Amino acid sequence: MNSLFPSIKVLFLTIFIIFTSIYSYAEERESKGFNFFIAPVAEINGYGYNAPSWAFGGAIAAGYDTLSFGLRYLYSQDKDLWISQEYVLFMREYIWRALFLQAEIGIVLYSDGENGNSGYGNLSVSFCVGWRFRIGKYFFTEPMLRAGLQHIFGASISAGFRIGE
């Protein structure tokens, strides 16, 4: 089945996360102690080939806020069943309150899901800007925009939890 969205459940979860963030508040970066986070991510990407080419997908991100670094894996698929998988390292800096800039570098692997052809790999480099909204003491949501090599732009929203002070 060729569908624009992976599933209605992903769309519903994304809308829920967006509306949940309205009732949350901005988090200031904690500068002391252990502060680990993990978050599932819903994302849309716009690619430069075969314009317009939109890809929808999900990711998982994990990081250590005190040192502001982490790992991210993204799986996305476009309407022509091209699949991309990104494996990136990221470095984050909070520049004002909960506003952050993030740089990502890694690899992206492509494959043609319709024909079963294995694809090729390439470098993935992104620059991102986002905002962390806290929901209570341990939960958060983060809308983020990104631009870079292998995609013209991306927009994502994540909801996660953190362990720490």
Foldseek 3Di string as FASTA:
>chain_A
DQDADPDVVLVVVQVVLVVVLVPFAFAFQDQDKWKKKKKKKWKKFAFDPPPRWIKTWIKIWIDTRNQAKTWMWIWIATSQGKIKIWTWIKGWDADDGFKIKMKIKGKMWIARRVVGGGGDMDIWIKIKIWGWTDDPDWKIKIWMKMATPRTGIMIMMIIITMDID
